[in-house]
Amino acid sequence: MTKRLPEDPAKKARMLTAAIQLFAEQGYEPTHVDQIAQQAAVSKGLVFKYFTNKEQLYLAALTAANQQFMTVIDRTVWQNSADLSAMIINATRYKIQLQLQFPAEFNLLMTAFVHQQQLPASSQAYVQKMFVANHDLTSELMTPVVALLQFKPGATAADLLEVIGYITNGYIHKIQRYLAAHPEITKIEQMEPLIQDLATKLKLVESGFIQG
């Protein structure tokens, strides 16, 4: 019986880094394993030895990108905010900072969300699971601040969270389009006009939900 050689962590890390970058830049279908192997400075056969096929490599890249954000996320950005608007603005600034720090990982995950119907079944299932987990995490992070609010009759915390979700998700896509059109942006301060526009919209929502 042939003894299986142990994996080389450095080579595997290079494969995942190359996969994240190329899948983020080109998408799933246009990206070839040969390109990933070349960028990682390994053989195509070694890529298949570690990940079996392209579908498994893409799933591994998604998982690694998501775990990167889960590892570094700072919950105090949400929970130490003074009020609802401050919490959303602080969180938005923080997400942009993370995107600028980890552009390939962020772009890969965003592309997977937008084009999930074009992905293999295993990746579609992972994206759905990740979407639910991220939604639950966001609700958990917002709960301490939302619990302090006083609502007008007929309005509830669930209503507020749903509307805030619509607005922030829309702005995340707006921010992605802006960053894609302005690759020269490297600092959060350069995004301040969009952030202040979001703050204005949140104040309008807040006045409709919360007792003054």
Foldseek 3Di string as FASTA:
>chain_A
DDDDDDDDVLLVVLLLVLLLQCCLVPNLVVDDLCSSCVSSVHDSVVVCVVQVDSQSSLLVSLVVLLVVCVVPDDLCLQQVAPADLSNLLSVVLVVVLVCLVPVSSVSNLVCCLVPVVPGPPVSVVVNVVSVVVVLVVVCVSNVNRLVPFAWDPPDDSVNLSVVVVVLSVVLVVVVVVVCVVPVVDNDSVVCVVSSVVSSVVVVVSCVVTGDD
